N, C-alpha and C. Protein backbone atom coordinates (compact mmCIF):
# COMPACT_ATOMS: atom_id res chain seq x y z
N MET A 1 21.31 -32.14 -73.02
CA MET A 1 20.30 -32.94 -72.08
C MET A 1 20.48 -34.32 -72.58
N GLY A 2 20.11 -35.00 -73.93
CA GLY A 2 20.56 -36.00 -74.68
C GLY A 2 19.03 -36.80 -73.99
N PHE A 3 18.19 -36.47 -73.56
CA PHE A 3 16.76 -37.21 -73.63
C PHE A 3 15.63 -36.13 -73.33
N SER A 4 14.68 -36.86 -73.44
CA SER A 4 13.03 -36.24 -73.26
C SER A 4 12.20 -36.56 -72.80
N GLY A 5 11.23 -35.90 -72.52
CA GLY A 5 10.14 -36.02 -71.87
C GLY A 5 8.82 -35.00 -72.12
N ARG A 6 7.76 -34.88 -71.11
CA ARG A 6 6.71 -34.48 -71.29
C ARG A 6 5.59 -34.42 -69.84
N VAL A 7 5.05 -32.89 -69.78
CA VAL A 7 4.46 -32.74 -69.00
C VAL A 7 2.98 -33.95 -68.75
N ILE A 8 2.71 -34.50 -67.60
CA ILE A 8 1.52 -35.49 -67.94
C ILE A 8 0.66 -35.14 -67.26
N SER A 9 0.93 -34.47 -66.24
CA SER A 9 -0.11 -33.71 -65.28
C SER A 9 0.27 -32.34 -64.15
N ALA A 10 -0.84 -31.58 -63.88
CA ALA A 10 -0.21 -30.46 -63.56
C ALA A 10 -1.95 -29.99 -62.67
N THR A 11 -1.77 -29.68 -61.71
CA THR A 11 -2.54 -29.14 -60.80
C THR A 11 -3.88 -27.56 -60.92
N SER A 12 -2.84 -26.76 -61.75
CA SER A 12 -3.30 -25.77 -62.36
C SER A 12 -2.73 -25.97 -63.47
N ASN A 13 -3.46 -24.97 -64.52
CA ASN A 13 -3.43 -25.15 -65.88
C ASN A 13 -4.01 -23.50 -66.82
N ASP A 14 -3.16 -23.07 -66.89
CA ASP A 14 -3.94 -21.47 -67.90
C ASP A 14 -3.61 -21.92 -69.15
N GLU A 15 -3.97 -21.72 -70.12
CA GLU A 15 -4.08 -21.99 -71.33
C GLU A 15 -2.80 -20.86 -72.32
N ARG A 16 -3.01 -19.87 -71.77
CA ARG A 16 -1.87 -18.60 -71.78
C ARG A 16 -0.32 -19.25 -71.19
N PHE A 17 -0.15 -19.98 -70.09
CA PHE A 17 0.71 -20.07 -69.48
C PHE A 17 0.81 -21.63 -69.03
N PRO A 18 0.87 -22.84 -69.72
CA PRO A 18 0.43 -24.02 -69.44
C PRO A 18 1.73 -24.84 -68.99
N ALA A 19 1.60 -25.69 -68.61
CA ALA A 19 2.59 -26.50 -67.55
C ALA A 19 3.57 -27.15 -68.54
N LYS A 20 3.27 -27.23 -69.87
CA LYS A 20 4.13 -27.95 -70.59
C LYS A 20 5.07 -27.00 -71.09
N ASN A 21 5.03 -25.72 -70.84
CA ASN A 21 5.99 -24.52 -71.05
C ASN A 21 7.35 -24.88 -70.06
N VAL A 22 7.29 -25.26 -69.20
CA VAL A 22 8.51 -25.90 -68.27
C VAL A 22 9.48 -26.74 -68.93
N LEU A 23 9.40 -27.11 -70.19
CA LEU A 23 10.14 -27.97 -70.54
C LEU A 23 10.68 -27.20 -72.19
N ASN A 24 9.73 -26.39 -72.09
CA ASN A 24 10.42 -25.59 -73.48
C ASN A 24 11.62 -24.47 -73.33
N ILE A 25 12.43 -24.82 -74.62
CA ILE A 25 13.73 -24.41 -74.24
C ILE A 25 13.62 -22.70 -74.49
N LYS A 26 12.42 -21.99 -75.24
CA LYS A 26 12.44 -20.78 -75.34
C LYS A 26 12.17 -19.95 -73.76
N ASP A 27 12.91 -18.66 -73.71
CA ASP A 27 13.21 -18.09 -72.57
C ASP A 27 11.73 -17.26 -72.27
N ASN A 28 10.90 -16.81 -73.06
CA ASN A 28 9.64 -16.37 -72.94
C ASN A 28 8.45 -16.85 -72.37
N ASN A 29 8.73 -18.29 -71.89
CA ASN A 29 7.59 -19.29 -71.98
C ASN A 29 7.83 -19.54 -70.31
N PHE A 30 6.87 -19.85 -69.68
CA PHE A 30 6.48 -20.24 -68.26
C PHE A 30 5.17 -21.32 -67.78
N TRP A 31 5.25 -21.92 -66.96
CA TRP A 31 3.96 -22.48 -66.19
C TRP A 31 3.66 -21.13 -64.97
N LEU A 32 2.29 -20.63 -64.65
CA LEU A 32 1.92 -20.08 -63.81
C LEU A 32 0.94 -20.62 -63.09
N THR A 33 1.09 -20.49 -61.79
CA THR A 33 0.02 -21.30 -61.13
C THR A 33 -1.21 -20.56 -60.52
N THR A 34 -1.96 -20.95 -59.94
CA THR A 34 -3.24 -20.21 -59.41
C THR A 34 -2.41 -20.07 -57.83
N GLY A 35 -3.06 -19.35 -56.91
CA GLY A 35 -2.81 -18.86 -55.70
C GLY A 35 -3.09 -19.82 -54.78
N ILE A 36 -3.27 -21.07 -54.94
CA ILE A 36 -3.53 -21.86 -53.77
C ILE A 36 -2.54 -22.93 -53.94
N PHE A 37 -1.91 -23.31 -52.96
CA PHE A 37 -1.04 -24.05 -52.82
C PHE A 37 -1.00 -25.54 -51.56
N PRO A 38 -0.57 -26.58 -52.12
CA PRO A 38 0.61 -26.94 -53.02
C PRO A 38 -0.31 -26.61 -54.42
N GLN A 39 0.84 -26.88 -55.40
CA GLN A 39 0.47 -27.01 -56.67
C GLN A 39 1.79 -28.03 -57.49
N CYS A 40 1.44 -28.87 -57.75
CA CYS A 40 1.94 -29.89 -58.40
C CYS A 40 2.19 -30.22 -59.82
N LEU A 41 3.44 -30.75 -60.30
CA LEU A 41 3.67 -31.10 -62.13
C LEU A 41 4.22 -32.36 -61.88
N ILE A 42 3.86 -33.09 -63.07
CA ILE A 42 4.40 -34.31 -63.03
C ILE A 42 4.90 -34.67 -64.59
N ILE A 43 6.25 -34.70 -64.65
CA ILE A 43 6.82 -34.97 -65.80
C ILE A 43 7.32 -36.51 -65.66
N SER A 44 6.88 -36.90 -67.12
CA SER A 44 7.46 -38.20 -67.53
C SER A 44 8.65 -38.31 -68.30
N LEU A 45 9.45 -39.12 -68.20
CA LEU A 45 10.68 -39.19 -69.23
C LEU A 45 10.04 -40.34 -70.08
N ASP A 46 10.74 -40.04 -71.43
CA ASP A 46 10.80 -40.78 -72.48
C ASP A 46 11.28 -42.32 -72.33
N SER A 47 12.49 -42.59 -71.03
CA SER A 47 12.80 -43.71 -70.83
C SER A 47 13.46 -43.46 -69.43
N LYS A 48 14.01 -44.42 -68.63
CA LYS A 48 14.12 -44.63 -67.51
C LYS A 48 15.85 -44.04 -67.32
N THR A 49 16.12 -42.94 -66.55
CA THR A 49 17.37 -41.69 -66.72
C THR A 49 17.96 -41.77 -65.41
N VAL A 50 19.04 -42.17 -65.36
CA VAL A 50 19.85 -41.56 -64.10
C VAL A 50 19.79 -40.39 -64.27
N LEU A 51 19.67 -39.46 -63.04
CA LEU A 51 19.50 -38.18 -62.91
C LEU A 51 20.74 -37.40 -61.90
N ASN A 52 21.40 -36.74 -61.77
CA ASN A 52 22.10 -36.20 -60.60
C ASN A 52 21.62 -35.31 -59.89
N SER A 53 20.80 -34.27 -60.90
CA SER A 53 20.26 -33.12 -60.44
C SER A 53 18.94 -32.51 -61.23
N LEU A 54 18.35 -31.16 -60.72
CA LEU A 54 17.36 -30.74 -61.26
C LEU A 54 17.62 -29.38 -61.03
N LYS A 55 17.41 -28.85 -62.24
CA LYS A 55 17.58 -26.99 -61.85
C LYS A 55 16.34 -26.44 -62.03
N LEU A 56 15.90 -25.67 -61.12
CA LEU A 56 14.45 -25.34 -60.91
C LEU A 56 14.59 -23.55 -61.29
N VAL A 57 13.79 -23.12 -62.36
CA VAL A 57 14.03 -21.70 -63.21
C VAL A 57 12.65 -21.00 -62.56
N SER A 58 12.52 -20.27 -61.59
CA SER A 58 11.45 -19.71 -61.11
C SER A 58 11.25 -18.44 -60.41
N ALA A 59 10.00 -18.00 -59.90
CA ALA A 59 9.75 -16.68 -59.75
C ALA A 59 8.65 -16.98 -58.58
N CYS A 60 9.11 -15.89 -56.85
CA CYS A 60 8.11 -16.40 -56.16
C CYS A 60 7.97 -17.85 -55.30
N VAL A 61 8.81 -18.91 -55.66
CA VAL A 61 8.62 -20.06 -54.66
C VAL A 61 9.32 -20.05 -53.62
N LYS A 62 8.32 -19.96 -52.46
CA LYS A 62 9.45 -20.38 -50.99
C LYS A 62 9.93 -21.54 -50.80
N SER A 63 9.02 -22.62 -51.17
CA SER A 63 9.31 -24.30 -51.04
C SER A 63 9.07 -25.06 -51.50
N PHE A 64 9.57 -26.10 -51.86
CA PHE A 64 9.13 -26.95 -53.05
C PHE A 64 9.56 -28.70 -52.64
N MET A 65 9.25 -29.57 -53.27
CA MET A 65 9.52 -30.91 -52.68
C MET A 65 9.75 -31.71 -54.24
N VAL A 66 10.78 -32.33 -54.61
CA VAL A 66 11.11 -33.23 -55.61
C VAL A 66 10.87 -34.77 -55.33
N GLU A 67 9.94 -35.72 -56.15
CA GLU A 67 9.66 -37.07 -55.76
C GLU A 67 9.89 -37.29 -57.17
N THR A 68 10.56 -39.10 -57.14
CA THR A 68 10.69 -39.47 -58.16
C THR A 68 10.46 -41.11 -58.11
N ALA A 69 10.17 -41.45 -59.48
CA ALA A 69 9.73 -42.65 -59.65
C ALA A 69 10.43 -43.55 -60.46
N SER A 70 10.90 -45.05 -60.45
CA SER A 70 11.45 -45.34 -61.50
C SER A 70 10.70 -46.11 -62.80
N ASP A 71 9.58 -45.99 -62.38
CA ASP A 71 8.59 -46.32 -63.47
C ASP A 71 7.69 -45.71 -63.78
N ASP A 72 6.44 -46.04 -64.46
CA ASP A 72 5.16 -45.53 -64.79
C ASP A 72 4.29 -45.41 -63.41
N THR A 73 4.62 -45.85 -62.42
CA THR A 73 3.70 -46.52 -61.44
C THR A 73 3.60 -44.73 -60.49
N THR A 74 2.88 -44.72 -59.54
CA THR A 74 2.69 -43.40 -58.63
C THR A 74 3.07 -44.10 -57.66
N ASN A 75 4.27 -44.67 -57.37
CA ASN A 75 5.44 -45.42 -56.18
C ASN A 75 5.98 -44.40 -56.43
N TYR A 76 5.97 -43.04 -55.76
CA TYR A 76 6.97 -41.71 -55.60
C TYR A 76 7.77 -41.73 -53.93
N GLN A 77 9.10 -41.60 -54.21
CA GLN A 77 10.21 -41.77 -53.13
C GLN A 77 10.57 -39.91 -53.20
N THR A 78 10.25 -39.31 -51.72
CA THR A 78 10.62 -38.17 -52.04
C THR A 78 12.44 -38.04 -51.82
N THR A 79 12.87 -37.27 -52.85
CA THR A 79 14.14 -37.35 -53.11
C THR A 79 14.64 -35.96 -52.40
N VAL A 80 14.03 -34.67 -52.33
CA VAL A 80 14.61 -33.94 -51.93
C VAL A 80 13.33 -32.83 -51.33
N GLU A 81 13.51 -31.99 -50.46
CA GLU A 81 12.73 -30.69 -50.34
C GLU A 81 13.61 -29.62 -50.00
N MET A 82 13.33 -28.57 -50.35
CA MET A 82 14.15 -27.38 -50.48
C MET A 82 13.51 -26.41 -50.46
N ASN A 83 13.93 -25.06 -49.57
CA ASN A 83 13.53 -23.92 -49.31
C ASN A 83 14.48 -23.16 -50.18
N VAL A 84 13.97 -22.13 -50.73
CA VAL A 84 14.41 -21.13 -52.01
C VAL A 84 14.45 -19.64 -51.41
N ASP A 85 15.57 -18.81 -51.45
CA ASP A 85 15.73 -17.56 -51.11
C ASP A 85 14.66 -16.62 -52.01
N ILE A 86 14.27 -15.55 -51.45
CA ILE A 86 12.98 -14.73 -52.02
C ILE A 86 13.50 -14.22 -53.71
N GLY A 87 14.99 -14.09 -53.94
CA GLY A 87 15.44 -13.50 -54.89
C GLY A 87 15.14 -12.04 -55.46
N GLY A 88 14.42 -11.28 -54.49
CA GLY A 88 14.38 -9.70 -55.04
C GLY A 88 13.28 -9.87 -56.37
N ASN A 89 13.79 -9.08 -57.24
CA ASN A 89 12.80 -9.03 -58.29
C ASN A 89 13.57 -9.85 -59.55
N GLN A 90 14.88 -10.70 -58.93
CA GLN A 90 15.52 -11.65 -59.94
C GLN A 90 14.86 -12.92 -59.83
N VAL A 91 14.79 -13.61 -60.93
CA VAL A 91 14.65 -14.90 -60.96
C VAL A 91 15.21 -15.78 -60.32
N GLN A 92 14.52 -16.71 -59.61
CA GLN A 92 15.15 -17.61 -59.07
C GLN A 92 15.92 -18.96 -59.72
N ILE A 93 17.18 -19.47 -59.36
CA ILE A 93 17.47 -20.45 -60.12
C ILE A 93 17.89 -21.46 -58.93
N THR A 94 17.59 -22.70 -58.85
CA THR A 94 17.86 -23.30 -57.44
C THR A 94 18.34 -25.03 -58.25
N LYS A 95 19.10 -25.09 -57.74
CA LYS A 95 19.86 -26.83 -58.19
C LYS A 95 19.67 -27.58 -56.84
N CYS A 96 18.74 -28.71 -57.29
CA CYS A 96 18.41 -29.61 -56.23
C CYS A 96 18.86 -31.19 -56.61
N PRO A 97 19.70 -31.54 -55.75
CA PRO A 97 20.46 -32.50 -55.89
C PRO A 97 19.34 -34.06 -55.94
N LEU A 98 19.88 -34.81 -56.74
CA LEU A 98 18.86 -36.08 -57.28
C LEU A 98 19.85 -37.46 -56.79
N ASN A 99 21.12 -37.12 -56.78
CA ASN A 99 21.79 -38.07 -56.22
C ASN A 99 22.05 -39.40 -56.89
N GLY A 100 21.68 -39.31 -58.37
CA GLY A 100 21.48 -40.16 -59.07
C GLY A 100 20.66 -41.16 -59.32
N ALA A 101 19.36 -40.47 -58.91
CA ALA A 101 18.17 -41.21 -58.83
C ALA A 101 17.57 -41.76 -60.38
N LEU A 102 17.18 -42.86 -60.16
CA LEU A 102 16.89 -43.75 -61.81
C LEU A 102 15.15 -43.11 -61.51
N CYS A 103 15.15 -42.21 -62.73
CA CYS A 103 13.78 -41.53 -63.19
C CYS A 103 12.82 -42.18 -64.10
N LYS A 104 11.81 -42.06 -63.94
CA LYS A 104 11.05 -42.36 -65.19
C LYS A 104 10.00 -41.15 -65.27
N ARG A 105 9.58 -40.71 -63.98
CA ARG A 105 8.49 -39.86 -63.61
C ARG A 105 9.27 -38.87 -62.31
N ILE A 106 8.77 -37.63 -62.26
CA ILE A 106 9.35 -36.71 -61.31
C ILE A 106 8.36 -36.00 -61.14
N LYS A 107 8.13 -35.56 -59.83
CA LYS A 107 6.47 -34.85 -59.34
C LYS A 107 7.28 -33.98 -58.64
N LEU A 108 6.89 -32.63 -58.97
CA LEU A 108 7.56 -31.34 -58.54
C LEU A 108 6.32 -30.68 -57.96
N THR A 109 6.36 -30.55 -56.52
CA THR A 109 5.48 -29.89 -55.70
C THR A 109 5.91 -28.68 -54.96
N ILE A 110 5.11 -27.22 -55.64
CA ILE A 110 5.34 -25.98 -54.88
C ILE A 110 4.48 -26.34 -53.50
N LEU A 111 5.15 -26.01 -52.61
CA LEU A 111 4.88 -26.31 -51.05
C LEU A 111 4.18 -25.00 -50.71
N ASN A 112 4.80 -23.79 -50.80
CA ASN A 112 4.80 -22.38 -50.45
C ASN A 112 5.25 -21.47 -51.34
N ALA A 113 4.75 -20.39 -51.31
CA ALA A 113 5.19 -19.10 -51.89
C ALA A 113 5.41 -17.85 -51.45
N TYR A 114 5.88 -16.95 -51.99
CA TYR A 114 6.40 -15.65 -51.64
C TYR A 114 5.16 -14.79 -52.08
N ASP A 115 4.24 -15.33 -53.07
CA ASP A 115 3.39 -14.26 -53.47
C ASP A 115 2.30 -14.96 -53.89
N HIS A 116 1.17 -14.78 -54.39
CA HIS A 116 -0.13 -15.30 -54.58
C HIS A 116 0.11 -16.17 -55.66
N PHE A 117 1.26 -15.78 -56.66
CA PHE A 117 1.02 -16.66 -57.61
C PHE A 117 2.49 -17.27 -57.89
N VAL A 118 2.92 -18.44 -58.49
CA VAL A 118 4.26 -18.57 -59.09
C VAL A 118 4.32 -18.77 -60.55
N ALA A 119 5.54 -18.50 -60.77
CA ALA A 119 6.00 -18.59 -62.28
C ALA A 119 7.15 -19.67 -62.34
N VAL A 120 7.35 -20.95 -63.13
CA VAL A 120 8.13 -21.68 -63.29
C VAL A 120 8.47 -21.56 -64.49
N TYR A 121 9.77 -21.01 -65.07
CA TYR A 121 9.96 -20.73 -66.67
C TYR A 121 10.66 -21.84 -66.95
N LYS A 122 11.30 -23.21 -66.08
CA LYS A 122 12.14 -23.89 -66.85
C LYS A 122 12.50 -25.12 -65.64
N VAL A 123 12.32 -26.64 -65.86
CA VAL A 123 12.80 -27.73 -65.00
C VAL A 123 13.81 -28.03 -66.02
N ILE A 124 15.49 -28.14 -65.67
CA ILE A 124 16.42 -28.92 -66.23
C ILE A 124 16.81 -29.96 -65.75
N PHE A 125 17.15 -30.90 -66.20
CA PHE A 125 17.39 -32.28 -65.71
C PHE A 125 19.06 -32.58 -66.31
N GLU A 126 19.64 -32.56 -65.32
CA GLU A 126 21.39 -32.80 -65.11
C GLU A 126 21.61 -34.41 -65.08
N GLN A 127 22.48 -34.91 -66.03
CA GLN A 127 23.01 -36.22 -65.34
C GLN A 127 24.33 -36.39 -64.90
N ASN A 128 24.83 -35.27 -65.22
CA ASN A 128 26.45 -35.09 -64.50
C ASN A 128 26.66 -34.35 -63.21
């Protein structure tokens, strides 16, 4: 990956399944949302970074939106909105194009879900 960041805000937070888990490399960690949508997560990167894509590893996400900001302000620009196949009982892996966006902050909004709760296992940023 070559860069790091941290979760600075989340609309739901269960101490057993906190939002910071989406950046953890362990496979058994995840962020669990409440049953109300939309749910939002904001990640701040340590430095401005050009990103080509984001990979969302999740369960029960129906649609989501990614917004990016090139600095620490709240001037987000919608980069992409995506629908996700239900995936059956499988984990959903969705690659989201960011098209070389210069990012300091990334806002991930879960718009709709296939169930009352959503699990986000990982948010992986890709530069190439």
